[in-house]
PDB file of N, CA and C in Angstrom:
ATOM      1  N   MET A   1     -76.596  52.374 -22.277  1.00  0.00           N
ATOM      2  CA  MET A   1     -76.320  50.986 -22.498  1.00  0.00           C
ATOM      3  C   MET A   1     -74.869  50.825 -23.409  1.00  0.00           C
ATOM      4  N   ALA A   2     -73.739  49.950 -23.141  1.00  0.00           N
ATOM      5  CA  ALA A   2     -72.885  50.041 -24.160  1.00  0.00           C
ATOM      6  C   ALA A   2     -73.553  48.876 -25.112  1.00  0.00           C
ATOM      7  N   ARG A   3     -73.287  49.404 -26.676  1.00  0.00           N
ATOM      8  CA  ARG A   3     -74.137  48.001 -27.483  1.00  0.00           C
ATOM      9  C   ARG A   3     -72.927  48.674 -28.308  1.00  0.00           C
ATOM     10  N   CYS A   4     -71.773  47.444 -28.890  1.00  0.00           N
ATOM     11  CA  CYS A   4     -71.471  47.069 -29.992  1.00  0.00           C
ATOM     12  C   CYS A   4     -71.859  46.248 -30.815  1.00  0.00           C
ATOM     13  N   GLU A   5     -70.991  45.635 -31.750  1.00  0.00           N
ATOM     14  CA  GLU A   5     -71.002  44.453 -32.879  1.00  0.00           C
ATOM     15  C   GLU A   5     -71.198  43.229 -32.282  1.00  0.00           C
ATOM     16  N   ARG A   6     -70.845  43.193 -30.650  1.00  0.00           N
ATOM     17  CA  ARG A   6     -70.693  41.394 -30.125  1.00  0.00           C
ATOM     18  C   ARG A   6     -72.024  41.593 -29.446  1.00  0.00           C
ATOM     19  N   GLY A   7     -72.655  42.491 -29.206  1.00  0.00           N
ATOM     20  CA  GLY A   7     -74.228  42.869 -28.311  1.00  0.00           C
ATOM     21  C   GLY A   7     -73.557  44.073 -27.344  1.00  0.00           C
ATOM     22  N   TYR A   8     -74.609  43.649 -26.055  1.00  0.00           N
ATOM     23  CA  TYR A   8     -74.673  44.382 -24.710  1.00  0.00           C
ATOM     24  C   TYR A   8     -73.153  43.797 -24.196  1.00  0.00           C
ATOM     25  N   LEU A   9     -72.621  44.526 -23.387  1.00  0.00           N
ATOM     26  CA  LEU A   9     -71.603  44.096 -22.909  1.00  0.00           C
ATOM     27  C   LEU A   9     -71.659  44.268 -21.213  1.00  0.00           C
ATOM     28  N   CYS A  10     -70.923  43.529 -20.467  1.00  0.00           N
ATOM     29  CA  CYS A  10     -71.151  43.584 -19.029  1.00  0.00           C
ATOM     30  C   CYS A  10     -70.602  44.298 -18.303  1.00  0.00           C
ATOM     31  N   GLU A  11     -70.484  45.457 -17.427  1.00  0.00           N
ATOM     32  CA  GLU A  11     -70.035  46.412 -16.902  1.00  0.00           C
ATOM     33  C   GLU A  11     -68.979  45.708 -16.289  1.00  0.00           C
ATOM     34  N   VAL A  12     -69.232  44.624 -15.646  1.00  0.00           N
ATOM     35  CA  VAL A  12     -68.331  43.600 -14.638  1.00  0.00           C
ATOM     36  C   VAL A  12     -67.791  43.101 -15.553  1.00  0.00           C
ATOM     37  N   CYS A  13     -67.743  42.072 -16.110  1.00  0.00           N
ATOM     38  CA  CYS A  13     -66.850  41.003 -17.136  1.00  0.00           C
ATOM     39  C   CYS A  13     -66.295  41.521 -18.305  1.00  0.00           C
ATOM     40  N   HIS A  14     -66.987  42.653 -18.736  1.00  0.00           N
ATOM     41  CA  HIS A  14     -66.780  42.971 -20.041  1.00  0.00           C
ATOM     42  C   HIS A  14     -67.065  42.061 -21.404  1.00  0.00           C
ATOM     43  N   ASP A  15     -67.534  41.250 -20.868  1.00  0.00           N
ATOM     44  CA  ASP A  15     -67.806  40.014 -21.868  1.00  0.00           C
ATOM     45  C   ASP A  15     -69.125  40.242 -22.527  1.00  0.00           C
ATOM     46  N   GLU A  16     -69.703  39.721 -23.531  1.00  0.00           N
ATOM     47  CA  GLU A  16     -70.896  40.127 -24.100  1.00  0.00           C
ATOM     48  C   GLU A  16     -72.127  39.440 -22.899  1.00  0.00           C
ATOM     49  N   VAL A  17     -73.142  39.866 -23.168  1.00  0.00           N
ATOM     50  CA  VAL A  17     -74.408  39.510 -22.316  1.00  0.00           C
ATOM     51  C   VAL A  17     -75.232  38.622 -23.468  1.00  0.00           C
ATOM     52  N   ALA A  18     -74.910  37.385 -23.974  1.00  0.00           N
ATOM     53  CA  ALA A  18     -75.534  37.462 -25.592  1.00  0.00           C
ATOM     54  C   ALA A  18     -76.940  36.983 -25.442  1.00  0.00           C
ATOM     55  N   GLU A  19     -77.634  36.777 -24.464  1.00  0.00           N
ATOM     56  CA  GLU A  19     -78.714  35.997 -24.130  1.00  0.00           C
ATOM     57  C   GLU A  19     -79.381  36.786 -23.180  1.00  0.00           C
ATOM     58  N   ILE A  20     -80.670  37.101 -23.258  1.00  0.00           N
ATOM     59  CA  ILE A  20     -81.643  37.698 -22.215  1.00  0.00           C
ATOM     60  C   ILE A  20     -81.981  36.694 -21.094  1.00  0.00           C
ATOM     61  N   THR A  21     -81.993  35.698 -21.272  1.00  0.00           N
ATOM     62  CA  THR A  21     -81.843  34.658 -20.074  1.00  0.00           C
ATOM     63  C   THR A  21     -80.743  34.644 -18.996  1.00  0.00           C
ATOM     64  N   ASP A  22     -79.491  35.504 -19.289  1.00  0.00           N
ATOM     65  CA  ASP A  22     -78.464  35.931 -18.819  1.00  0.00           C
ATOM     66  C   ASP A  22     -78.471  37.120 -18.502  1.00  0.00           C
ATOM     67  N   SER A  23     -79.409  37.914 -18.438  1.00  0.00           N
ATOM     68  CA  SER A  23     -79.570  39.613 -18.319  1.00  0.00           C
ATOM     69  C   SER A  23     -79.926  39.732 -17.096  1.00  0.00           C
ATOM     70  N   ASP A  24     -78.695  40.082 -16.094  1.00  0.00           N
ATOM     71  CA  ASP A  24     -79.272  41.030 -14.786  1.00  0.00           C
ATOM     72  C   ASP A  24     -80.397  42.006 -15.091  1.00  0.00           C
ATOM     73  N   LEU A  25     -79.991  43.211 -16.020  1.00  0.00           N
ATOM     74  CA  LEU A  25     -80.730  44.209 -16.126  1.00  0.00           C
ATOM     75  C   LEU A  25     -82.389  43.659 -16.076  1.00  0.00           C
ATOM     76  N   TYR A  26     -82.485  42.381 -17.191  1.00  0.00           N
ATOM     77  CA  TYR A  26     -83.802  42.508 -17.212  1.00  0.00           C
ATOM     78  C   TYR A  26     -84.228  41.004 -16.055  1.00  0.00           C
ATOM     79  N   LEU A  27     -83.279  40.836 -15.081  1.00  0.00           N
ATOM     80  CA  LEU A  27     -84.019  39.878 -14.126  1.00  0.00           C
ATOM     81  C   LEU A  27     -84.615  41.028 -13.307  1.00  0.00           C
ATOM     82  N   SER A  28     -83.765  42.138 -12.816  1.00  0.00           N
ATOM     83  CA  SER A  28     -84.009  43.496 -12.234  1.00  0.00           C
ATOM     84  C   SER A  28     -85.226  43.823 -12.596  1.00  0.00           C
ATOM     85  N   TYR A  29     -85.742  44.432 -13.769  1.00  0.00           N
ATOM     86  CA  TYR A  29     -87.099  44.988 -14.612  1.00  0.00           C
ATOM     87  C   TYR A  29     -88.044  43.557 -13.997  1.00  0.00           C
ATOM     88  N   ILE A  30     -88.144  42.658 -14.371  1.00  0.00           N
ATOM     89  CA  ILE A  30     -88.899  41.230 -13.798  1.00  0.00           C
ATOM     90  C   ILE A  30     -89.220  41.359 -13.080  1.00  0.00           C
ATOM     91  N   VAL A  31     -88.522  41.440 -11.602  1.00  0.00           N
ATOM     92  CA  VAL A  31     -88.780  41.779 -10.183  1.00  0.00           C
ATOM     93  C   VAL A  31     -89.296  42.800  -9.737  1.00  0.00           C
ATOM     94  N   GLY A  32     -89.192  43.784 -10.435  1.00  0.00           N
ATOM     95  CA  GLY A  32     -89.394  45.221 -10.222  1.00  0.00           C
ATOM     96  C   GLY A  32     -88.576  46.339  -9.688  1.00  0.00           C
ATOM     97  N   LEU A  33     -87.320  46.245  -9.760  1.00  0.00           N
ATOM     98  CA  LEU A  33     -86.065  46.737  -9.446  1.00  0.00           C
ATOM     99  C   LEU A  33     -85.923  47.972  -9.875  1.00  0.00           C
ATOM    100  N   VAL A  34     -86.469  47.732 -11.292  1.00  0.00           N
ATOM    101  CA  VAL A  34     -86.005  48.784 -12.527  1.00  0.00           C
ATOM    102  C   VAL A  34     -87.074  49.092 -13.476  1.00  0.00           C
ATOM    103  N   ASP A  35     -87.272  50.145 -14.006  1.00  0.00           N
ATOM    104  CA  ASP A  35     -88.495  50.165 -14.443  1.00  0.00           C
ATOM    105  C   ASP A  35     -88.388  50.186 -16.011  1.00  0.00           C
ATOM    106  N   SER A  36     -89.217  50.125 -17.126  1.00  0.00           N
ATOM    107  CA  SER A  36     -88.853  49.922 -18.330  1.00  0.00           C
ATOM    108  C   SER A  36     -88.126  51.194 -18.752  1.00  0.00           C
ATOM    109  N   ARG A  37     -87.989  52.362 -18.496  1.00  0.00           N
ATOM    110  CA  ARG A  37     -87.421  53.341 -18.662  1.00  0.00           C
ATOM    111  C   ARG A  37     -86.143  53.042 -18.727  1.00  0.00           C
ATOM    112  N   ALA A  38     -85.569  52.344 -17.373  1.00  0.00           N
ATOM    113  CA  ALA A  38     -84.305  52.500 -17.195  1.00  0.00           C
ATOM    114  C   ALA A  38     -83.628  51.047 -18.249  1.00  0.00           C
ATOM    115  N   LEU A  39     -84.167  50.298 -18.874  1.00  0.00           N
ATOM    116  CA  LEU A  39     -83.929  49.296 -19.643  1.00  0.00           C
ATOM    117  C   LEU A  39     -82.726  49.898 -20.584  1.00  0.00           C
ATOM    118  N   LEU A  40     -83.050  51.136 -21.052  1.00  0.00           N
ATOM    119  CA  LEU A  40     -82.041  51.426 -22.164  1.00  0.00           C
ATOM    120  C   LEU A  40     -80.992  52.773 -21.873  1.00  0.00           C
ATOM    121  N   ALA A  41     -81.133  52.703 -20.485  1.00  0.00           N
ATOM    122  CA  ALA A  41     -80.362  53.798 -19.926  1.00  0.00           C
ATOM    123  C   ALA A  41     -79.209  53.153 -18.839  1.00  0.00           C
ATOM    124  N   ARG A  42     -79.673  51.952 -18.395  1.00  0.00           N
ATOM    125  CA  ARG A  42     -78.807  51.211 -17.184  1.00  0.00           C
ATOM    126  C   ARG A  42     -77.547  50.462 -17.962  1.00  0.00           C
ATOM    127  N   PRO A  43     -76.865  50.162 -17.145  1.00  0.00           N
ATOM    128  CA  PRO A  43     -75.778  49.055 -17.966  1.00  0.00           C
ATOM    129  C   PRO A  43     -76.101  47.476 -17.524  1.00  0.00           C
ATOM    130  N   GLU A  44     -75.659  46.966 -18.252  1.00  0.00           N
ATOM    131  CA  GLU A  44     -76.107  45.091 -18.655  1.00  0.00           C
ATOM    132  C   GLU A  44     -74.880  44.470 -17.819  1.00  0.00           C
ATOM    133  N   ARG A  45     -75.464  43.435 -17.050  1.00  0.00           N
ATOM    134  CA  ARG A  45     -74.439  42.885 -16.378  1.00  0.00           C
ATOM    135  C   ARG A  45     -74.943  41.125 -16.872  1.00  0.00           C
ATOM    136  N   HIS A  46     -74.088  40.038 -16.382  1.00  0.00           N
ATOM    137  CA  HIS A  46     -74.358  38.863 -16.149  1.00  0.00           C
ATOM    138  C   HIS A  46     -74.975  38.406 -14.929  1.00  0.00           C
ATOM    139  N   ILE A  47     -76.073  37.840 -15.044  1.00  0.00           N
ATOM    140  CA  ILE A  47     -76.811  37.393 -13.281  1.00  0.00           C
ATOM    141  C   ILE A  47     -75.423  37.241 -12.712  1.00  0.00           C
ATOM    142  N   ARG A  48     -74.493  36.586 -12.707  1.00  0.00           N
ATOM    143  CA  ARG A  48     -73.613  35.978 -11.910  1.00  0.00           C
ATOM    144  C   ARG A  48     -72.842  36.946 -11.696  1.00  0.00           C
ATOM    145  N   CYS A  49     -72.555  37.905 -12.092  1.00  0.00           N
ATOM    146  CA  CYS A  49     -71.896  39.479 -12.340  1.00  0.00           C
ATOM    147  C   CYS A  49     -72.622  40.313 -11.164  1.00  0.00           C
ATOM    148  N   ASN A  50     -73.630  40.047 -10.669  1.00  0.00           N
ATOM    149  CA  ASN A  50     -74.265  40.338  -9.583  1.00  0.00           C
ATOM    150  C   ASN A  50     -74.634  39.283  -8.441  1.00  0.00           C
ATOM    151  N   PRO A  51     -73.273  39.042  -7.962  1.00  0.00           N
ATOM    152  CA  PRO A  51     -73.604  37.960  -6.936  1.00  0.00           C
ATOM    153  C   PRO A  51     -74.540  37.833  -6.044  1.00  0.00           C
ATOM    154  N   VAL A  52     -74.789  39.435  -5.405  1.00  0.00           N
ATOM    155  CA  VAL A  52     -75.345  39.780  -4.183  1.00  0.00           C
ATOM    156  C   VAL A  52     -76.862  39.343  -4.625  1.00  0.00           C
ATOM    157  N   GLN A  53     -77.556  39.592  -5.996  1.00  0.00           N
ATOM    158  CA  GLN A  53     -78.791  39.328  -6.001  1.00  0.00           C
ATOM    159  C   GLN A  53     -78.707  37.718  -6.486  1.00  0.00           C
ATOM    160  N   ALA A  54     -77.821  37.484  -7.290  1.00  0.00           N
ATOM    161  CA  ALA A  54     -77.777  35.645  -7.779  1.00  0.00           C
ATOM    162  C   ALA A  54     -78.001  35.141  -6.667  1.00  0.00           C
ATOM    163  N   GLN A  55     -77.626  35.166  -5.543  1.00  0.00           N
ATOM    164  CA  GLN A  55     -77.373  34.185  -4.463  1.00  0.00           C
ATOM    165  C   GLN A  55     -78.924  33.909  -3.944  1.00  0.00           C
ATOM    166  N   PHE A  56     -79.879  34.942  -4.559  1.00  0.00           N
ATOM    167  CA  PHE A  56     -81.146  34.480  -4.221  1.00  0.00           C
ATOM    168  C   PHE A  56     -81.931  33.485  -5.014  1.00  0.00           C
ATOM    169  N   ILE A  57     -81.614  32.970  -6.185  1.00  0.00           N
ATOM    170  CA  ILE A  57     -81.857  32.081  -7.166  1.00  0.00           C
ATOM    171  C   ILE A  57     -81.874  30.595  -6.509  1.00  0.00           C
ATOM    172  N   VAL A  58     -82.782  29.933  -6.361  1.00  0.00           N
ATOM    173  CA  VAL A  58     -82.755  28.707  -5.577  1.00  0.00           C
ATOM    174  C   VAL A  58     -83.136  27.836  -6.772  1.00  0.00           C
ATOM    175  N   ASP A  59     -82.614  27.483  -7.493  1.00  0.00           N
ATOM    176  CA  ASP A  59     -83.335  26.163  -8.727  1.00  0.00           C
ATOM    177  C   ASP A  59     -82.280  25.362  -9.080  1.00  0.00           C
ATOM    178  N   GLU A  60     -82.778  23.777  -9.289  1.00  0.00           N
ATOM    179  CA  GLU A  60     -81.703  23.193  -9.572  1.00  0.00           C
ATOM    180  C   GLU A  60     -80.944  23.515 -11.017  1.00  0.00           C
ATOM    181  N   ARG A  61     -81.420  24.202 -11.276  1.00  0.00           N
ATOM    182  CA  ARG A  61     -80.815  24.533 -13.032  1.00  0.00           C
ATOM    183  C   ARG A  61     -80.267  25.578 -12.843  1.00  0.00           C
ATOM    184  N   PHE A  62     -79.825  26.389 -11.621  1.00  0.00           N
ATOM    185  CA  PHE A  62     -78.951  27.172 -11.316  1.00  0.00           C
ATOM    186  C   PHE A  62     -77.857  26.954 -10.388  1.00  0.00           C
ATOM    187  N   ALA A  63     -76.786  26.961 -10.833  1.00  0.00           N
ATOM    188  CA  ALA A  63     -75.846  26.705  -9.886  1.00  0.00           C
ATOM    189  C   ALA A  63     -75.491  27.909  -8.666  1.00  0.00           C
ATOM    190  N   PRO A  64     -75.405  27.796  -7.408  1.00  0.00           N
ATOM    191  CA  PRO A  64     -75.420  28.541  -6.026  1.00  0.00           C
ATOM    192  C   PRO A  64     -74.498  29.394  -6.464  1.00  0.00           C
ATOM    193  N   VAL A  65     -74.982  30.436  -5.747  1.00  0.00           N
ATOM    194  CA  VAL A  65     -74.078  31.554  -5.833  1.00  0.00           C
ATOM    195  C   VAL A  65     -73.802  32.064  -4.314  1.00  0.00           C
ATOM    196  N   ALA A  66     -72.347  32.314  -3.855  1.00  0.00           N
ATOM    197  CA  ALA A  66     -71.898  32.406  -2.236  1.00  0.00           C
ATOM    198  C   ALA A  66     -71.312  33.510  -2.714  1.00  0.00           C
ATOM    199  N   VAL A  67     -72.047  34.771  -1.796  1.00  0.00           N
ATOM    200  CA  VAL A  67     -71.256  35.838  -1.164  1.00  0.00           C
ATOM    201  C   VAL A  67     -70.707  36.175   0.060  1.00  0.00           C
ATOM    202  N   GLU A  68     -69.738  36.290  -0.142  1.00  0.00           N
ATOM    203  CA  GLU A  68     -68.793  37.102   1.306  1.00  0.00           C
ATOM    204  C   GLU A  68     -69.040  38.175   1.906  1.00  0.00           C
ATOM    205  N   GLY A  69     -69.070  38.461   3.065  1.00  0.00           N
ATOM    206  CA  GLY A  69     -69.391  39.820   3.695  1.00  0.00           C
ATOM    207  C   GLY A  69     -70.691  40.273   4.137  1.00  0.00           C
ATOM    208  N   PRO A  70     -71.207  41.207   4.387  1.00  0.00           N
ATOM    209  CA  PRO A  70     -72.174  41.945   4.832  1.00  0.00           C
ATOM    210  C   PRO A  70     -73.643  41.424   3.825  1.00  0.00           C
ATOM    211  N   PHE A  71     -73.491  41.146   2.742  1.00  0.00           N
ATOM    212  CA  PHE A  71     -74.386  41.177   2.178  1.00  0.00           C
ATOM    213  C   PHE A  71     -74.409  39.337   1.804  1.00  0.00           C
ATOM    214  N   ASP A  72     -73.815  38.931   2.310  1.00  0.00           N
ATOM    215  CA  ASP A  72     -74.225  37.218   2.647  1.00  0.00           C
ATOM    216  C   ASP A  72     -75.309  36.957   2.783  1.00  0.00           C
ATOM    217  N   LYS A  73     -76.412  36.323   2.307  1.00  0.00           N
ATOM    218  CA  LYS A  73     -77.443  36.240   2.953  1.00  0.00           C
ATOM    219  C   LYS A  73     -78.055  35.067   4.081  1.00  0.00           C
ATOM    220  N   ARG A  74     -76.658  34.394   4.589  1.00  0.00           N
ATOM    221  CA  ARG A  74     -76.561  33.802   5.717  1.00  0.00           C
ATOM    222  C   ARG A  74     -76.529  34.827   6.652  1.00  0.00           C
ATOM    223  N   ASN A  75     -75.948  35.966   6.457  1.00  0.00           N
ATOM    224  CA  ASN A  75     -75.778  37.081   7.517  1.00  0.00           C
ATOM    225  C   ASN A  75     -77.207  38.119   7.564  1.00  0.00           C
ATOM    226  N   LEU A  76     -78.012  37.695   6.709  1.00  0.00           N
ATOM    227  CA  LEU A  76     -79.216  38.442   6.829  1.00  0.00           C
ATOM    228  C   LEU A  76     -80.258  37.879   8.133  1.00  0.00           C
ATOM    229  N   ASP A  77     -81.444  38.354   7.788  1.00  0.00           N
ATOM    230  CA  ASP A  77     -82.547  38.384   8.463  1.00  0.00           C
ATOM    231  C   ASP A  77     -82.887  36.696   7.445  1.00  0.00           C
ATOM    232  N   PRO A  78     -83.478  35.981   8.457  1.00  0.00           N
ATOM    233  CA  PRO A  78     -84.324  34.571   7.692  1.00  0.00           C
ATOM    234  C   PRO A  78     -85.238  35.100   6.710  1.00  0.00           C
ATOM    235  N   GLU A  79     -86.484  35.822   7.240  1.00  0.00           N
ATOM    236  CA  GLU A  79     -87.571  36.056   6.596  1.00  0.00           C
ATOM    237  C   GLU A  79     -87.119  36.595   5.651  1.00  0.00           C
ATOM    238  N   TYR A  80     -86.807  37.738   5.396  1.00  0.00           N
ATOM    239  CA  TYR A  80     -86.256  38.673   4.499  1.00  0.00           C
ATOM    240  C   TYR A  80     -85.424  37.724   3.707  1.00  0.00           C
ATOM    241  N   VAL A  81     -84.432  36.737   3.852  1.00  0.00           N
ATOM    242  CA  VAL A  81     -83.774  35.590   2.498  1.00  0.00           C
ATOM    243  C   VAL A  81     -84.728  34.942   2.210  1.00  0.00           C
ATOM    244  N   ARG A  82     -86.240  34.364   3.124  1.00  0.00           N
ATOM    245  CA  ARG A  82     -86.946  33.562   2.094  1.00  0.00           C
ATOM    246  C   ARG A  82     -88.152  34.593   1.331  1.00  0.00           C
ATOM    247  N   SER A  83     -88.223  35.748   1.310  1.00  0.00           N
ATOM    248  CA  SER A  83     -89.172  36.123   0.425  1.00  0.00           C
ATOM    249  C   SER A  83     -88.111  36.852  -0.747  1.00  0.00           C
ATOM    250  N   GLN A  84     -86.896  37.265  -0.097  1.00  0.00           N
ATOM    251  CA  GLN A  84     -86.095  37.221  -1.894  1.00  0.00           C
ATOM    252  C   GLN A  84     -85.542  35.836  -2.443  1.00  0.00           C
ATOM    253  N   GLU A  85     -85.635  35.040  -1.681  1.00  0.00           N
ATOM    254  CA  GLU A  85     -85.332  33.577  -2.619  1.00  0.00           C
ATOM    255  C   GLU A  85     -86.455  33.415  -3.458  1.00  0.00           C
ATOM    256  N   ASP A  86     -87.825  33.595  -3.144  1.00  0.00           N
ATOM    257  CA  ASP A  86     -89.113  33.743  -3.155  1.00  0.00           C
ATOM    258  C   ASP A  86     -89.528  34.582  -4.454  1.00  0.00           C
ATOM    259  N   LEU A  87     -88.982  35.796  -4.444  1.00  0.00           N
ATOM    260  CA  LEU A  87     -88.990  36.916  -5.716  1.00  0.00           C
ATOM    261  C   LEU A  87     -88.250  36.607  -6.925  1.00  0.00           C
ATOM    262  N   VAL A  88     -86.820  36.228  -6.478  1.00  0.00           N
ATOM    263  CA  VAL A  88     -85.497  36.311  -7.553  1.00  0.00           C
ATOM    264  C   VAL A  88     -85.529  35.130  -8.063  1.00  0.00           C
ATOM    265  N   THR A  89     -86.195  34.286  -7.153  1.00  0.00           N
ATOM    266  CA  THR A  89     -86.023  32.630  -8.474  1.00  0.00           C
ATOM    267  C   THR A  89     -87.414  32.803  -9.015  1.00  0.00           C
ATOM    268  N   ARG A  90     -88.600  33.078  -8.791  1.00  0.00           N
ATOM    269  CA  ARG A  90     -89.805  32.907  -9.701  1.00  0.00           C
ATOM    270  C   ARG A  90     -89.210  34.089 -10.783  1.00  0.00           C
ATOM    271  N   GLY A  91     -88.488  35.458 -10.618  1.00  0.00           N
ATOM    272  CA  GLY A  91     -87.923  36.054 -11.442  1.00  0.00           C
ATOM    273  C   GLY A  91     -87.355  35.311 -12.303  1.00  0.00           C
ATOM    274  N   TRP A  92     -86.211  34.864 -12.217  1.00  0.00           N
ATOM    275  CA  TRP A  92     -85.242  34.068 -12.422  1.00  0.00           C
ATOM    276  C   TRP A  92     -85.904  33.096 -13.838  1.00  0.00           C
ATOM    277  N   ARG A  93     -87.124  32.551 -13.090  1.00  0.00           N
ATOM    278  CA  ARG A  93     -87.858  31.497 -14.583  1.00  0.00           C
ATOM    279  C   ARG A  93     -88.331  32.441 -14.872  1.00  0.00           C
ATOM    280  N   ARG A  94     -89.182  33.245 -14.895  1.00  0.00           N
ATOM    281  CA  ARG A  94     -90.197  33.875 -15.837  1.00  0.00           C
ATOM    282  C   ARG A  94     -88.828  34.726 -16.883  1.00  0.00           C
ATOM    283  N   LEU A  95     -87.904  34.745 -16.566  1.00  0.00           N
ATOM    284  CA  LEU A  95     -86.831  35.606 -17.356  1.00  0.00           C
ATOM    285  C   LEU A  95     -86.371  34.309 -18.319  1.00  0.00           C
ATOM    286  N   GLN A  96     -86.061  33.112 -17.963  1.00  0.00           N
ATOM    287  CA  GLN A  96     -85.905  31.776 -18.811  1.00  0.00           C
ATOM    288  C   GLN A  96     -87.062  31.563 -19.510  1.00  0.00           C
ATOM    289  N   GLU A  97     -88.514  32.336 -19.192  1.00  0.00           N
ATOM    290  CA  GLU A  97     -89.344  31.571 -20.236  1.00  0.00           C
ATOM    291  C   GLU A  97     -89.763  32.649 -21.551  1.00  0.00           C
ATOM    292  N   VAL A  98     -89.656  34.175 -20.785  1.00  0.00           N
ATOM    293  CA  VAL A  98     -90.187  35.400 -21.488  1.00  0.00           C
ATOM    294  C   VAL A  98     -89.389  35.088 -23.327  1.00  0.00           C
ATOM    295  N   ALA A  99     -88.374  34.745 -23.076  1.00  0.00           N
ATOM    296  CA  ALA A  99     -87.695  35.034 -24.117  1.00  0.00           C
ATOM    297  C   ALA A  99     -88.029  34.077 -25.625  1.00  0.00           C
ATOM    298  N   GLY A 100     -88.991  33.338 -25.033  1.00  0.00           N
ATOM    299  CA  GLY A 100     -89.895  32.171 -26.397  1.00  0.00           C
ATOM    300  C   GLY A 100     -90.438  32.387 -26.409  1.00  0.00           C
ATOM    301  N   LEU A 101     -91.806  33.381 -25.780  1.00  0.00           N
ATOM    302  CA  LEU A 101     -92.748  33.502 -25.751  1.00  0.00           C
ATOM    303  C   LEU A 101     -93.630  34.625 -26.439  1.00  0.00           C
ATOM    304  N   GLY A 102     -92.565  35.257 -27.070  1.00  0.00           N
ATOM    305  CA  GLY A 102     -93.011  36.430 -28.173  1.00  0.00           C
ATOM    306  C   GLY A 102     -94.103  37.190 -27.232  1.00  0.00           C
ATOM    307  N   ILE A 103     -93.808  37.712 -26.693  1.00  0.00           N
ATOM    308  CA  ILE A 103     -94.985  38.716 -25.817  1.00  0.00           C
ATOM    309  C   ILE A 103     -93.920  40.075 -25.670  1.00  0.00           C
ATOM    310  N   ALA A 104     -94.689  40.840 -25.022  1.00  0.00           N
ATOM    311  CA  ALA A 104     -94.126  42.410 -25.216  1.00  0.00           C
ATOM    312  C   ALA A 104     -93.548  42.515 -23.651  1.00  0.00           C
ATOM    313  N   ILE A 105     -92.353  43.727 -24.205  1.00  0.00           N
ATOM    314  CA  ILE A 105     -91.777  43.697 -22.630  1.00  0.00           C
ATOM    315  C   ILE A 105     -92.375  43.808 -21.968  1.00  0.00           C
ATOM    316  N   SER A 106     -93.385  44.584 -21.754  1.00  0.00           N
ATOM    317  CA  SER A 106     -93.985  45.344 -20.818  1.00  0.00           C
ATOM    318  C   SER A 106     -95.135  44.404 -20.027  1.00  0.00           C
ATOM    319  N   ASP A 107     -94.951  42.779 -20.571  1.00  0.00           N
ATOM    320  CA  ASP A 107     -95.548  41.804 -19.808  1.00  0.00           C
ATOM    321  C   ASP A 107     -94.540  41.023 -19.371  1.00  0.00           C
ATOM    322  N   TYR A 108     -93.326  41.377 -19.427  1.00  0.00           N
ATOM    323  CA  TYR A 108     -92.195  40.460 -18.473  1.00  0.00           C
ATOM    324  C   TYR A 108     -92.055  40.393 -17.320  1.00  0.00           C
ATOM    325  N   PRO A 109     -92.410  41.639 -16.561  1.00  0.00           N
ATOM    326  CA  PRO A 109     -92.698  41.178 -15.098  1.00  0.00           C
ATOM    327  C   PRO A 109     -93.836  40.459 -14.474  1.00  0.00           C
ATOM    328  N   LEU A 110     -92.906  40.319 -13.040  1.00  0.00           N
ATOM    329  CA  LEU A 110     -94.056  38.887 -12.547  1.00  0.00           C
ATOM    330  C   LEU A 110     -94.956  39.786 -12.451  1.00  0.00           C
ATOM    331  N   SER A 111     -96.351  39.680 -12.321  1.00  0.00           N
ATOM    332  CA  SER A 111     -97.977  39.907 -12.162  1.00  0.00           C
ATOM    333  C   SER A 111     -97.910  41.521 -11.043  1.00  0.00           C
ATOM    334  N   GLU A 112     -97.418  40.548  -9.755  1.00  0.00           N
ATOM    335  CA  GLU A 112     -97.226  41.670  -8.763  1.00  0.00           C
ATOM    336  C   GLU A 112     -96.445  42.961  -8.925  1.00  0.00           C
ATOM    337  N   VAL A 113     -95.574  43.029  -9.709  1.00  0.00           N
ATOM    338  CA  VAL A 113     -94.811  43.999  -9.416  1.00  0.00           C
ATOM    339  C   VAL A 113     -95.000  44.871 -11.322  1.00  0.00           C
ATOM    340  N   ARG A 114     -96.108  44.319 -12.012  1.00  0.00           N
ATOM    341  CA  ARG A 114     -96.302  45.237 -13.171  1.00  0.00           C
ATOM    342  C   ARG A 114     -96.925  46.100 -12.966  1.00  0.00           C
ATOM    343  N   PRO A 115     -96.851  47.330 -13.409  1.00  0.00           N
ATOM    344  CA  PRO A 115     -97.895  48.617 -13.626  1.00  0.00           C
ATOM    345  C   PRO A 115     -99.150  48.066 -13.410  1.00  0.00           C
ATOM    346  N   LYS A 116     -99.924  48.727 -13.093  1.00  0.00           N
ATOM    347  CA  LYS A 116    -101.495  49.333 -12.894  1.00  0.00           C
ATOM    348  C   LYS A 116    -101.864  49.947 -13.942  1.00  0.00           C
ATOM    349  N   GLY A 117    -102.594  49.374 -14.926  1.00  0.00           N
ATOM    350  CA  GLY A 117    -103.207  50.715 -15.644  1.00  0.00           C
ATOM    351  C   GLY A 117    -104.192  50.171 -16.416  1.00  0.00           C
TER     352      GLY A 117
END
């Protein structure tokens, strides 16, 4: 992960990802796409710098993201789109709340994707 005096840098736009609430990496972790070991190894991005995932966030506090081309959710199976909108939106909402909860990173993921142990 590219860390410097300014914080974690987005691999797409090269600006700082200053807040966890704007982290595509942590959003991916919360929804179960990335495991905890990858948090230190994977590059960071802003949520909006990953429009393919960001398009599935459906919340009045998040301006919609449109994707053109084969990964545009309007071109995908409606059932898949509904399931992704549910998962990624719940993940984004969880991401917004975890920063202020004072909980362990292992408790960030949604309950259904949290490792059983």
